[in-house]
PDB file of N, CA and C in Angstrom:
ATOM      1  N   UNK A   1     -28.253-242.814  28.537  1.00  0.00           N
ATOM      2  CA  UNK A   1     -28.049-242.599  27.483  1.00  0.00           C
ATOM      3  C   UNK A   1     -29.222-243.040  26.675  1.00  0.00           C
ATOM      4  N   UNK A   2     -29.974-243.677  27.157  1.00  0.00           N
ATOM      5  CA  UNK A   2     -31.431-243.955  26.837  1.00  0.00           C
ATOM      6  C   UNK A   2     -31.798-242.498  25.942  1.00  0.00           C
ATOM      7  N   UNK A   3     -32.253-241.278  26.752  1.00  0.00           N
ATOM      8  CA  UNK A   3     -32.557-240.177  26.267  1.00  0.00           C
ATOM      9  C   UNK A   3     -31.954-239.456  24.777  1.00  0.00           C
ATOM     10  N   UNK A   4     -30.876-239.535  24.844  1.00  0.00           N
ATOM     11  CA  UNK A   4     -29.867-239.277  23.668  1.00  0.00           C
ATOM     12  C   UNK A   4     -30.584-240.159  22.076  1.00  0.00           C
ATOM     13  N   UNK A   5     -30.630-241.317  22.579  1.00  0.00           N
ATOM     14  CA  UNK A   5     -31.029-242.768  21.563  1.00  0.00           C
ATOM     15  C   UNK A   5     -32.103-242.123  21.653  1.00  0.00           C
ATOM     16  N   UNK A   6     -33.242-241.641  22.242  1.00  0.00           N
ATOM     17  CA  UNK A   6     -34.772-241.235  21.707  1.00  0.00           C
ATOM     18  C   UNK A   6     -34.767-239.745  21.002  1.00  0.00           C
ATOM     19  N   UNK A   7     -33.896-239.208  21.551  1.00  0.00           N
ATOM     20  CA  UNK A   7     -33.866-237.980  20.472  1.00  0.00           C
ATOM     21  C   UNK A   7     -33.213-238.387  19.273  1.00  0.00           C
ATOM     22  N   UNK A   8     -32.184-239.073  19.153  1.00  0.00           N
ATOM     23  CA  UNK A   8     -32.112-239.470  17.981  1.00  0.00           C
ATOM     24  C   UNK A   8     -32.956-239.756  17.148  1.00  0.00           C
ATOM     25  N   UNK A   9     -33.455-240.502  17.910  1.00  0.00           N
ATOM     26  CA  UNK A   9     -34.938-241.380  17.108  1.00  0.00           C
ATOM     27  C   UNK A   9     -36.036-240.201  16.625  1.00  0.00           C
ATOM     28  N   UNK A  10     -36.214-239.729  17.000  1.00  0.00           N
ATOM     29  CA  UNK A  10     -36.912-237.793  16.846  1.00  0.00           C
ATOM     30  C   UNK A  10     -36.552-237.585  15.259  1.00  0.00           C
ATOM     31  N   UNK A  11     -34.809-236.986  15.262  1.00  0.00           N
ATOM     32  CA  UNK A  11     -34.533-236.538  14.393  1.00  0.00           C
ATOM     33  C   UNK A  11     -34.659-237.407  13.567  1.00  0.00           C
ATOM     34  N   UNK A  12     -34.304-238.671  13.499  1.00  0.00           N
ATOM     35  CA  UNK A  12     -34.622-240.063  12.338  1.00  0.00           C
ATOM     36  C   UNK A  12     -35.709-239.731  11.846  1.00  0.00           C
ATOM     37  N   UNK A  13     -36.695-239.690  12.674  1.00  0.00           N
ATOM     38  CA  UNK A  13     -38.366-239.446  11.746  1.00  0.00           C
ATOM     39  C   UNK A  13     -38.268-238.454  11.236  1.00  0.00           C
ATOM     40  N   UNK A  14     -37.997-237.043  11.695  1.00  0.00           N
ATOM     41  CA  UNK A  14     -38.377-235.426  11.182  1.00  0.00           C
ATOM     42  C   UNK A  14     -37.373-236.089   9.836  1.00  0.00           C
ATOM     43  N   UNK A  15     -36.179-236.989   9.622  1.00  0.00           N
ATOM     44  CA  UNK A  15     -35.996-236.550   8.136  1.00  0.00           C
ATOM     45  C   UNK A  15     -36.479-237.158   7.030  1.00  0.00           C
ATOM     46  N   UNK A  16     -37.009-238.660   7.831  1.00  0.00           N
ATOM     47  CA  UNK A  16     -38.130-239.311   6.846  1.00  0.00           C
ATOM     48  C   UNK A  16     -38.975-238.463   6.420  1.00  0.00           C
ATOM     49  N   UNK A  17     -39.398-237.729   7.797  1.00  0.00           N
ATOM     50  CA  UNK A  17     -40.966-237.010   7.540  1.00  0.00           C
ATOM     51  C   UNK A  17     -40.274-235.512   6.156  1.00  0.00           C
ATOM     52  N   UNK A  18     -39.515-235.257   6.542  1.00  0.00           N
ATOM     53  CA  UNK A  18     -39.292-234.464   5.545  1.00  0.00           C
ATOM     54  C   UNK A  18     -38.806-234.951   3.464  1.00  0.00           C
ATOM     55  N   UNK A  19     -38.026-236.102   4.117  1.00  0.00           N
ATOM     56  CA  UNK A  19     -38.424-236.858   2.213  1.00  0.00           C
ATOM     57  C   UNK A  19     -39.984-238.059   2.161  1.00  0.00           C
ATOM     58  N   UNK A  20     -40.268-237.960   2.536  1.00  0.00           N
ATOM     59  CA  UNK A  20     -41.965-237.899   2.311  1.00  0.00           C
ATOM     60  C   UNK A  20     -42.937-237.295   1.894  1.00  0.00           C
ATOM     61  N   UNK A  21     -42.908-236.481   2.608  1.00  0.00           N
ATOM     62  CA  UNK A  21     -43.255-234.641   3.035  1.00  0.00           C
ATOM     63  C   UNK A  21     -43.462-234.413   1.889  1.00  0.00           C
ATOM     64  N   UNK A  22     -42.383-233.929   1.545  1.00  0.00           N
ATOM     65  CA  UNK A  22     -41.620-233.044   0.414  1.00  0.00           C
ATOM     66  C   UNK A  22     -41.808-233.672  -1.319  1.00  0.00           C
ATOM     67  N   UNK A  23     -42.128-234.800  -1.100  1.00  0.00           N
ATOM     68  CA  UNK A  23     -42.269-235.480  -2.328  1.00  0.00           C
ATOM     69  C   UNK A  23     -43.882-235.758  -2.139  1.00  0.00           C
ATOM     70  N   UNK A  24     -44.636-235.817  -1.253  1.00  0.00           N
ATOM     71  CA  UNK A  24     -46.522-235.980  -1.278  1.00  0.00           C
ATOM     72  C   UNK A  24     -47.169-234.204  -1.364  1.00  0.00           C
ATOM     73  N   UNK A  25     -46.154-233.311  -1.144  1.00  0.00           N
ATOM     74  CA  UNK A  25     -46.226-232.019  -1.288  1.00  0.00           C
ATOM     75  C   UNK A  25     -45.746-231.716  -3.079  1.00  0.00           C
ATOM     76  N   UNK A  26     -45.220-232.328  -3.716  1.00  0.00           N
ATOM     77  CA  UNK A  26     -44.588-231.963  -5.395  1.00  0.00           C
ATOM     78  C   UNK A  26     -45.563-233.556  -6.049  1.00  0.00           C
ATOM     79  N   UNK A  27     -46.215-234.365  -5.284  1.00  0.00           N
ATOM     80  CA  UNK A  27     -46.789-235.170  -6.082  1.00  0.00           C
ATOM     81  C   UNK A  27     -47.591-234.978  -7.307  1.00  0.00           C
ATOM     82  N   UNK A  28     -48.924-234.058  -6.524  1.00  0.00           N
ATOM     83  CA  UNK A  28     -49.466-233.643  -7.840  1.00  0.00           C
ATOM     84  C   UNK A  28     -49.080-232.675  -8.595  1.00  0.00           C
ATOM     85  N   UNK A  29     -47.787-232.066  -8.871  1.00  0.00           N
ATOM     86  CA  UNK A  29     -47.658-230.605  -9.363  1.00  0.00           C
ATOM     87  C   UNK A  29     -46.938-231.490 -10.929  1.00  0.00           C
ATOM     88  N   UNK A  30     -47.142-231.030 -11.917  1.00  0.00           N
ATOM     89  CA  UNK A  30     -47.139-230.932 -13.213  1.00  0.00           C
ATOM     90  C   UNK A  30     -45.509-231.455 -13.384  1.00  0.00           C
ATOM     91  N   UNK A  31     -44.945-230.734 -12.688  1.00  0.00           N
ATOM     92  CA  UNK A  31     -43.428-230.722 -12.469  1.00  0.00           C
ATOM     93  C   UNK A  31     -42.794-231.113 -11.661  1.00  0.00           C
ATOM     94  N   UNK A  32     -43.247-232.136 -10.727  1.00  0.00           N
ATOM     95  CA  UNK A  32     -42.465-232.203  -9.500  1.00  0.00           C
ATOM     96  C   UNK A  32     -40.719-232.323  -9.820  1.00  0.00           C
ATOM     97  N   UNK A  33     -40.392-231.689  -8.619  1.00  0.00           N
ATOM     98  CA  UNK A  33     -39.487-231.497  -8.228  1.00  0.00           C
ATOM     99  C   UNK A  33     -38.479-232.040  -6.859  1.00  0.00           C
ATOM    100  N   UNK A  34     -36.830-232.163  -6.954  1.00  0.00           N
ATOM    101  CA  UNK A  34     -36.467-232.304  -5.005  1.00  0.00           C
ATOM    102  C   UNK A  34     -35.974-230.959  -4.720  1.00  0.00           C
ATOM    103  N   UNK A  35     -36.562-230.618  -3.439  1.00  0.00           N
ATOM    104  CA  UNK A  35     -36.778-229.257  -2.846  1.00  0.00           C
ATOM    105  C   UNK A  35     -35.288-230.068  -2.042  1.00  0.00           C
ATOM    106  N   UNK A  36     -35.181-229.279  -1.454  1.00  0.00           N
ATOM    107  CA  UNK A  36     -33.834-229.143  -0.606  1.00  0.00           C
ATOM    108  C   UNK A  36     -34.348-229.354   0.626  1.00  0.00           C
ATOM    109  N   UNK A  37     -35.219-229.764   0.777  1.00  0.00           N
ATOM    110  CA  UNK A  37     -36.216-230.096   1.718  1.00  0.00           C
ATOM    111  C   UNK A  37     -35.867-231.600   1.871  1.00  0.00           C
ATOM    112  N   UNK A  38     -35.917-232.290   0.671  1.00  0.00           N
ATOM    113  CA  UNK A  38     -35.655-233.380   0.341  1.00  0.00           C
ATOM    114  C   UNK A  38     -34.437-233.915   0.253  1.00  0.00           C
ATOM    115  N   UNK A  39     -33.576-233.040  -0.448  1.00  0.00           N
ATOM    116  CA  UNK A  39     -31.989-233.603   0.666  1.00  0.00           C
ATOM    117  C   UNK A  39     -31.473-233.437   1.886  1.00  0.00           C
ATOM    118  N   UNK A  40     -32.025-232.565   2.506  1.00  0.00           N
ATOM    119  CA  UNK A  40     -31.703-232.253   3.613  1.00  0.00           C
ATOM    120  C   UNK A  40     -32.067-233.563   4.419  1.00  0.00           C
ATOM    121  N   UNK A  41     -33.471-233.880   4.628  1.00  0.00           N
ATOM    122  CA  UNK A  41     -33.658-235.238   4.989  1.00  0.00           C
ATOM    123  C   UNK A  41     -33.503-236.448   4.658  1.00  0.00           C
ATOM    124  N   UNK A  42     -33.093-236.470   3.325  1.00  0.00           N
ATOM    125  CA  UNK A  42     -32.142-237.901   3.270  1.00  0.00           C
ATOM    126  C   UNK A  42     -30.579-237.791   3.656  1.00  0.00           C
ATOM    127  N   UNK A  43     -30.000-236.985   3.529  1.00  0.00           N
ATOM    128  CA  UNK A  43     -28.284-236.696   4.806  1.00  0.00           C
ATOM    129  C   UNK A  43     -28.657-236.596   6.231  1.00  0.00           C
ATOM    130  N   UNK A  44     -29.925-236.184   6.732  1.00  0.00           N
ATOM    131  CA  UNK A  44     -30.524-236.611   8.451  1.00  0.00           C
ATOM    132  C   UNK A  44     -30.773-237.367   8.363  1.00  0.00           C
ATOM    133  N   UNK A  45     -31.337-238.461   7.633  1.00  0.00           N
ATOM    134  CA  UNK A  45     -31.618-239.500   7.764  1.00  0.00           C
ATOM    135  C   UNK A  45     -30.653-241.094   8.016  1.00  0.00           C
ATOM    136  N   UNK A  46     -29.090-241.038   7.231  1.00  0.00           N
ATOM    137  CA  UNK A  46     -28.013-241.895   7.186  1.00  0.00           C
ATOM    138  C   UNK A  46     -27.421-240.618   8.313  1.00  0.00           C
ATOM    139  N   UNK A  47     -26.866-239.736   8.514  1.00  0.00           N
ATOM    140  CA  UNK A  47     -25.931-239.422  10.136  1.00  0.00           C
ATOM    141  C   UNK A  47     -27.052-239.938  11.096  1.00  0.00           C
ATOM    142  N   UNK A  48     -28.337-239.971  11.443  1.00  0.00           N
ATOM    143  CA  UNK A  48     -28.992-240.344  12.306  1.00  0.00           C
ATOM    144  C   UNK A  48     -28.914-241.645  12.511  1.00  0.00           C
ATOM    145  N   UNK A  49     -28.884-242.245  11.431  1.00  0.00           N
ATOM    146  CA  UNK A  49     -29.305-243.383  11.148  1.00  0.00           C
ATOM    147  C   UNK A  49     -28.143-244.564  11.944  1.00  0.00           C
ATOM    148  N   UNK A  50     -27.265-243.558  11.412  1.00  0.00           N
ATOM    149  CA  UNK A  50     -24.974-244.112  11.645  1.00  0.00           C
ATOM    150  C   UNK A  50     -25.123-244.060  13.132  1.00  0.00           C
ATOM    151  N   UNK A  51     -25.727-242.983  13.546  1.00  0.00           N
ATOM    152  CA  UNK A  51     -25.785-242.815  15.026  1.00  0.00           C
ATOM    153  C   UNK A  51     -26.490-244.041  16.135  1.00  0.00           C
ATOM    154  N   UNK A  52     -27.816-243.966  15.209  1.00  0.00           N
ATOM    155  CA  UNK A  52     -28.250-245.030  16.134  1.00  0.00           C
ATOM    156  C   UNK A  52     -27.783-246.540  16.183  1.00  0.00           C
ATOM    157  N   UNK A  53     -27.575-246.889  15.419  1.00  0.00           N
ATOM    158  CA  UNK A  53     -26.627-248.489  15.118  1.00  0.00           C
ATOM    159  C   UNK A  53     -25.547-248.288  16.244  1.00  0.00           C
ATOM    160  N   UNK A  54     -24.678-246.844  15.507  1.00  0.00           N
ATOM    161  CA  UNK A  54     -23.320-246.817  16.530  1.00  0.00           C
ATOM    162  C   UNK A  54     -24.023-247.319  18.213  1.00  0.00           C
ATOM    163  N   UNK A  55     -24.977-246.266  18.450  1.00  0.00           N
ATOM    164  CA  UNK A  55     -25.213-246.442  20.634  1.00  0.00           C
ATOM    165  C   UNK A  55     -25.777-247.597  20.235  1.00  0.00           C
ATOM    166  N   UNK A  56     -26.601-248.410  19.348  1.00  0.00           N
ATOM    167  CA  UNK A  56     -26.867-249.365  20.082  1.00  0.00           C
ATOM    168  C   UNK A  56     -26.264-250.401  19.576  1.00  0.00           C
ATOM    169  N   UNK A  57     -25.616-250.751  18.970  1.00  0.00           N
ATOM    170  CA  UNK A  57     -23.540-251.275  18.590  1.00  0.00           C
ATOM    171  C   UNK A  57     -23.083-251.443  19.626  1.00  0.00           C
ATOM    172  N   UNK A  58     -22.813-250.362  20.546  1.00  0.00           N
ATOM    173  CA  UNK A  58     -21.240-249.971  21.143  1.00  0.00           C
ATOM    174  C   UNK A  58     -22.271-250.573  23.161  1.00  0.00           C
ATOM    175  N   UNK A  59     -23.236-250.563  22.983  1.00  0.00           N
ATOM    176  CA  UNK A  59     -23.869-251.140  24.173  1.00  0.00           C
ATOM    177  C   UNK A  59     -24.680-250.736  24.784  1.00  0.00           C
ATOM    178  N   UNK A  60     -24.248-248.975  24.589  1.00  0.00           N
ATOM    179  CA  UNK A  60     -25.219-248.045  25.781  1.00  0.00           C
ATOM    180  C   UNK A  60     -26.634-247.887  25.862  1.00  0.00           C
ATOM    181  N   UNK A  61     -27.707-248.838  24.995  1.00  0.00           N
ATOM    182  CA  UNK A  61     -28.127-248.948  25.121  1.00  0.00           C
ATOM    183  C   UNK A  61     -28.905-250.203  24.507  1.00  0.00           C
ATOM    184  N   UNK A  62     -29.868-250.735  25.047  1.00  0.00           N
ATOM    185  CA  UNK A  62     -30.135-252.326  25.398  1.00  0.00           C
ATOM    186  C   UNK A  62     -31.511-252.344  24.298  1.00  0.00           C
ATOM    187  N   UNK A  63     -30.840-252.411  22.956  1.00  0.00           N
ATOM    188  CA  UNK A  63     -30.859-252.505  21.936  1.00  0.00           C
ATOM    189  C   UNK A  63     -30.683-254.001  20.907  1.00  0.00           C
ATOM    190  N   UNK A  64     -30.933-254.378  20.101  1.00  0.00           N
ATOM    191  CA  UNK A  64     -30.460-255.983  19.182  1.00  0.00           C
ATOM    192  C   UNK A  64     -30.447-254.633  18.059  1.00  0.00           C
ATOM    193  N   UNK A  65     -29.399-255.191  17.108  1.00  0.00           N
ATOM    194  CA  UNK A  65     -28.611-254.642  15.558  1.00  0.00           C
ATOM    195  C   UNK A  65     -28.860-255.588  14.549  1.00  0.00           C
ATOM    196  N   UNK A  66     -29.945-256.140  13.643  1.00  0.00           N
ATOM    197  CA  UNK A  66     -30.384-256.710  12.944  1.00  0.00           C
ATOM    198  C   UNK A  66     -29.286-255.889  11.619  1.00  0.00           C
ATOM    199  N   UNK A  67     -28.351-256.351  11.272  1.00  0.00           N
ATOM    200  CA  UNK A  67     -27.429-255.722  10.386  1.00  0.00           C
ATOM    201  C   UNK A  67     -27.693-255.658   8.563  1.00  0.00           C
ATOM    202  N   UNK A  68     -27.922-257.554   8.473  1.00  0.00           N
ATOM    203  CA  UNK A  68     -28.691-256.924   7.034  1.00  0.00           C
ATOM    204  C   UNK A  68     -30.048-256.115   6.803  1.00  0.00           C
ATOM    205  N   UNK A  69     -30.839-255.762   7.720  1.00  0.00           N
ATOM    206  CA  UNK A  69     -31.219-254.587   7.601  1.00  0.00           C
ATOM    207  C   UNK A  69     -30.869-253.538   7.498  1.00  0.00           C
ATOM    208  N   UNK A  70     -29.983-253.512   8.688  1.00  0.00           N
ATOM    209  CA  UNK A  70     -29.610-251.564   9.113  1.00  0.00           C
ATOM    210  C   UNK A  70     -28.486-251.700   7.169  1.00  0.00           C
ATOM    211  N   UNK A  71     -27.785-253.253   6.685  1.00  0.00           N
ATOM    212  CA  UNK A  71     -26.856-252.714   5.375  1.00  0.00           C
ATOM    213  C   UNK A  71     -28.467-252.462   4.424  1.00  0.00           C
ATOM    214  N   UNK A  72     -29.156-252.965   3.777  1.00  0.00           N
ATOM    215  CA  UNK A  72     -30.414-252.390   3.249  1.00  0.00           C
ATOM    216  C   UNK A  72     -30.664-251.185   3.480  1.00  0.00           C
ATOM    217  N   UNK A  73     -30.908-250.533   5.150  1.00  0.00           N
ATOM    218  CA  UNK A  73     -31.714-249.478   4.703  1.00  0.00           C
ATOM    219  C   UNK A  73     -30.768-248.344   4.257  1.00  0.00           C
ATOM    220  N   UNK A  74     -29.581-249.019   4.207  1.00  0.00           N
ATOM    221  CA  UNK A  74     -28.332-248.237   4.390  1.00  0.00           C
ATOM    222  C   UNK A  74     -27.961-247.618   3.102  1.00  0.00           C
ATOM    223  N   UNK A  75     -28.375-248.647   2.065  1.00  0.00           N
ATOM    224  CA  UNK A  75     -27.733-248.836   0.779  1.00  0.00           C
ATOM    225  C   UNK A  75     -29.497-248.559   0.325  1.00  0.00           C
ATOM    226  N   UNK A  76     -30.744-248.091   0.562  1.00  0.00           N
ATOM    227  CA  UNK A  76     -31.304-247.079   0.164  1.00  0.00           C
ATOM    228  C   UNK A  76     -31.627-245.784   0.305  1.00  0.00           C
ATOM    229  N   UNK A  77     -31.345-245.580   1.572  1.00  0.00           N
ATOM    230  CA  UNK A  77     -31.212-244.204   1.857  1.00  0.00           C
ATOM    231  C   UNK A  77     -29.707-243.534   1.217  1.00  0.00           C
ATOM    232  N   UNK A  78     -28.678-244.341   1.300  1.00  0.00           N
ATOM    233  CA  UNK A  78     -27.506-243.145  -0.141  1.00  0.00           C
ATOM    234  C   UNK A  78     -28.409-243.383  -0.999  1.00  0.00           C
ATOM    235  N   UNK A  79     -28.761-244.114  -2.106  1.00  0.00           N
ATOM    236  CA  UNK A  79     -29.659-243.914  -2.945  1.00  0.00           C
ATOM    237  C   UNK A  79     -30.556-242.529  -2.995  1.00  0.00           C
ATOM    238  N   UNK A  80     -31.182-242.594  -2.253  1.00  0.00           N
ATOM    239  CA  UNK A  80     -32.528-241.856  -1.669  1.00  0.00           C
ATOM    240  C   UNK A  80     -31.618-240.389  -1.977  1.00  0.00           C
ATOM    241  N   UNK A  81     -30.597-240.526  -1.101  1.00  0.00           N
ATOM    242  CA  UNK A  81     -29.578-239.432  -0.799  1.00  0.00           C
ATOM    243  C   UNK A  81     -29.182-239.124  -2.394  1.00  0.00           C
ATOM    244  N   UNK A  82     -28.813-239.584  -2.812  1.00  0.00           N
ATOM    245  CA  UNK A  82     -27.495-239.458  -4.369  1.00  0.00           C
ATOM    246  C   UNK A  82     -28.821-238.741  -5.242  1.00  0.00           C
ATOM    247  N   UNK A  83     -30.315-239.841  -5.346  1.00  0.00           N
ATOM    248  CA  UNK A  83     -31.086-239.279  -6.205  1.00  0.00           C
ATOM    249  C   UNK A  83     -31.375-237.772  -5.824  1.00  0.00           C
ATOM    250  N   UNK A  84     -31.660-237.108  -4.369  1.00  0.00           N
ATOM    251  CA  UNK A  84     -31.060-236.500  -3.850  1.00  0.00           C
ATOM    252  C   UNK A  84     -30.834-235.385  -4.565  1.00  0.00           C
ATOM    253  N   UNK A  85     -29.195-235.484  -4.374  1.00  0.00           N
ATOM    254  CA  UNK A  85     -27.966-234.710  -4.686  1.00  0.00           C
ATOM    255  C   UNK A  85     -28.164-234.004  -6.603  1.00  0.00           C
ATOM    256  N   UNK A  86     -28.685-235.144  -7.206  1.00  0.00           N
ATOM    257  CA  UNK A  86     -28.170-234.803  -8.760  1.00  0.00           C
ATOM    258  C   UNK A  86     -29.732-234.229  -9.154  1.00  0.00           C
ATOM    259  N   UNK A  87     -30.822-233.852  -7.981  1.00  0.00           N
ATOM    260  CA  UNK A  87     -32.584-233.935  -8.144  1.00  0.00           C
ATOM    261  C   UNK A  87     -32.304-231.979  -8.113  1.00  0.00           C
ATOM    262  N   UNK A  88     -31.634-231.842  -7.162  1.00  0.00           N
ATOM    263  CA  UNK A  88     -31.187-230.917  -6.332  1.00  0.00           C
ATOM    264  C   UNK A  88     -30.756-229.817  -7.687  1.00  0.00           C
ATOM    265  N   UNK A  89     -29.603-230.470  -7.544  1.00  0.00           N
ATOM    266  CA  UNK A  89     -28.209-229.760  -8.579  1.00  0.00           C
ATOM    267  C   UNK A  89     -29.523-229.443  -9.803  1.00  0.00           C
ATOM    268  N   UNK A  90     -29.699-230.061 -10.258  1.00  0.00           N
ATOM    269  CA  UNK A  90     -30.323-229.708 -11.455  1.00  0.00           C
ATOM    270  C   UNK A  90     -31.907-229.061 -11.495  1.00  0.00           C
ATOM    271  N   UNK A  91     -32.184-229.487 -10.796  1.00  0.00           N
ATOM    272  CA  UNK A  91     -33.862-228.117 -10.332  1.00  0.00           C
ATOM    273  C   UNK A  91     -34.467-228.159 -11.377  1.00  0.00           C
ATOM    274  N   UNK A  92     -35.161-227.591 -11.733  1.00  0.00           N
ATOM    275  CA  UNK A  92     -36.448-227.554 -12.827  1.00  0.00           C
ATOM    276  C   UNK A  92     -36.087-228.396 -14.167  1.00  0.00           C
ATOM    277  N   UNK A  93     -34.568-228.625 -14.249  1.00  0.00           N
ATOM    278  CA  UNK A  93     -34.251-229.015 -15.588  1.00  0.00           C
ATOM    279  C   UNK A  93     -34.308-231.093 -15.117  1.00  0.00           C
ATOM    280  N   UNK A  94     -34.778-231.215 -14.116  1.00  0.00           N
ATOM    281  CA  UNK A  94     -34.334-232.910 -13.468  1.00  0.00           C
ATOM    282  C   UNK A  94     -35.359-233.371 -13.996  1.00  0.00           C
ATOM    283  N   UNK A  95     -35.982-234.783 -14.645  1.00  0.00           N
ATOM    284  CA  UNK A  95     -36.999-235.981 -14.496  1.00  0.00           C
ATOM    285  C   UNK A  95     -37.611-235.710 -13.261  1.00  0.00           C
ATOM    286  N   UNK A  96     -39.038-235.556 -14.098  1.00  0.00           N
ATOM    287  CA  UNK A  96     -39.695-235.913 -12.299  1.00  0.00           C
ATOM    288  C   UNK A  96     -39.418-237.272 -11.950  1.00  0.00           C
ATOM    289  N   UNK A  97     -39.399-237.894 -12.838  1.00  0.00           N
ATOM    290  CA  UNK A  97     -38.451-239.182 -11.936  1.00  0.00           C
ATOM    291  C   UNK A  97     -38.396-239.742 -11.065  1.00  0.00           C
ATOM    292  N   UNK A  98     -36.801-238.527 -11.385  1.00  0.00           N
ATOM    293  CA  UNK A  98     -35.917-238.652 -10.242  1.00  0.00           C
ATOM    294  C   UNK A  98     -37.402-237.967  -8.889  1.00  0.00           C
ATOM    295  N   UNK A  99     -38.302-237.280  -9.005  1.00  0.00           N
ATOM    296  CA  UNK A  99     -38.748-236.747  -7.734  1.00  0.00           C
ATOM    297  C   UNK A  99     -39.644-237.733  -7.409  1.00  0.00           C
ATOM    298  N   UNK A 100     -40.207-238.467  -8.004  1.00  0.00           N
ATOM    299  CA  UNK A 100     -40.988-240.093  -7.806  1.00  0.00           C
ATOM    300  C   UNK A 100     -40.117-241.267  -7.323  1.00  0.00           C
ATOM    301  N   UNK A 101     -38.860-241.206  -7.591  1.00  0.00           N
ATOM    302  CA  UNK A 101     -37.717-242.132  -7.242  1.00  0.00           C
ATOM    303  C   UNK A 101     -37.028-241.600  -5.944  1.00  0.00           C
ATOM    304  N   UNK A 102     -36.818-240.653  -5.519  1.00  0.00           N
ATOM    305  CA  UNK A 102     -37.018-241.203  -3.752  1.00  0.00           C
ATOM    306  C   UNK A 102     -37.779-240.996  -3.267  1.00  0.00           C
ATOM    307  N   UNK A 103     -38.872-239.970  -3.426  1.00  0.00           N
ATOM    308  CA  UNK A 103     -39.782-240.338  -2.375  1.00  0.00           C
ATOM    309  C   UNK A 103     -40.447-242.171  -2.012  1.00  0.00           C
ATOM    310  N   UNK A 104     -40.492-242.615  -2.818  1.00  0.00           N
ATOM    311  CA  UNK A 104     -40.860-243.751  -3.716  1.00  0.00           C
ATOM    312  C   UNK A 104     -39.669-244.928  -2.372  1.00  0.00           C
ATOM    313  N   UNK A 105     -38.360-244.471  -2.759  1.00  0.00           N
ATOM    314  CA  UNK A 105     -37.070-245.217  -2.386  1.00  0.00           C
ATOM    315  C   UNK A 105     -37.387-244.798  -0.836  1.00  0.00           C
ATOM    316  N   UNK A 106     -37.978-243.229  -0.543  1.00  0.00           N
ATOM    317  CA  UNK A 106     -38.624-243.460   1.040  1.00  0.00           C
ATOM    318  C   UNK A 106     -39.779-243.914   1.330  1.00  0.00           C
ATOM    319  N   UNK A 107     -40.070-243.859   0.839  1.00  0.00           N
ATOM    320  CA  UNK A 107     -41.228-245.089   1.866  1.00  0.00           C
ATOM    321  C   UNK A 107     -41.017-246.125   1.453  1.00  0.00           C
ATOM    322  N   UNK A 108     -39.951-246.596   0.960  1.00  0.00           N
ATOM    323  CA  UNK A 108     -39.964-248.337   1.122  1.00  0.00           C
ATOM    324  C   UNK A 108     -38.817-248.648   1.972  1.00  0.00           C
ATOM    325  N   UNK A 109     -37.688-247.398   2.774  1.00  0.00           N
ATOM    326  CA  UNK A 109     -37.463-247.393   3.762  1.00  0.00           C
ATOM    327  C   UNK A 109     -38.120-247.469   5.247  1.00  0.00           C
ATOM    328  N   UNK A 110     -39.177-246.710   5.065  1.00  0.00           N
ATOM    329  CA  UNK A 110     -40.316-246.495   6.161  1.00  0.00           C
ATOM    330  C   UNK A 110     -40.933-248.018   6.690  1.00  0.00           C
ATOM    331  N   UNK A 111     -40.507-248.585   4.905  1.00  0.00           N
ATOM    332  CA  UNK A 111     -41.612-250.454   4.456  1.00  0.00           C
ATOM    333  C   UNK A 111     -40.931-251.034   5.491  1.00  0.00           C
ATOM    334  N   UNK A 112     -39.428-251.395   4.805  1.00  0.00           N
ATOM    335  CA  UNK A 112     -38.600-251.447   5.281  1.00  0.00           C
ATOM    336  C   UNK A 112     -38.045-251.867   7.237  1.00  0.00           C
ATOM    337  N   UNK A 113     -38.534-250.271   7.868  1.00  0.00           N
ATOM    338  CA  UNK A 113     -37.736-250.300   8.961  1.00  0.00           C
ATOM    339  C   UNK A 113     -39.011-250.775  10.169  1.00  0.00           C
ATOM    340  N   UNK A 114     -40.353-251.275   9.022  1.00  0.00           N
ATOM    341  CA  UNK A 114     -41.337-251.187  10.230  1.00  0.00           C
ATOM    342  C   UNK A 114     -42.211-252.452  10.232  1.00  0.00           C
ATOM    343  N   UNK A 115     -41.705-253.267   8.839  1.00  0.00           N
ATOM    344  CA  UNK A 115     -42.077-254.713   8.485  1.00  0.00           C
ATOM    345  C   UNK A 115     -40.792-255.639   8.550  1.00  0.00           C
ATOM    346  N   UNK A 116     -39.776-255.632   8.424  1.00  0.00           N
ATOM    347  CA  UNK A 116     -38.607-256.490   8.705  1.00  0.00           C
ATOM    348  C   UNK A 116     -38.514-256.940  10.281  1.00  0.00           C
TER     349      UNK A 116
END
């Protein structure tokens, strides 16, 4: 199961890269938008995060689960996904603040993962 866990971690990191990379690609634009990549990255993050927690909690891999950290990360990831859904649905009519909020929360989620 260790190999499966590691593969899911790779997909989790790819989802993070889609969020942060999509935001960084738009940051200098006069009107940044939430691309479908940001939306899909947010959904990948939530799904793979839940799989990782499930594998760790079940004892299939030798990992400890900090439930408080996971709860905070899930709330932040849900906020990113919600913002991405709204921003992607509105397209160019969405306020630029939505793109910056999604990207900033994505970076915050990375910081929580690393620093907590």
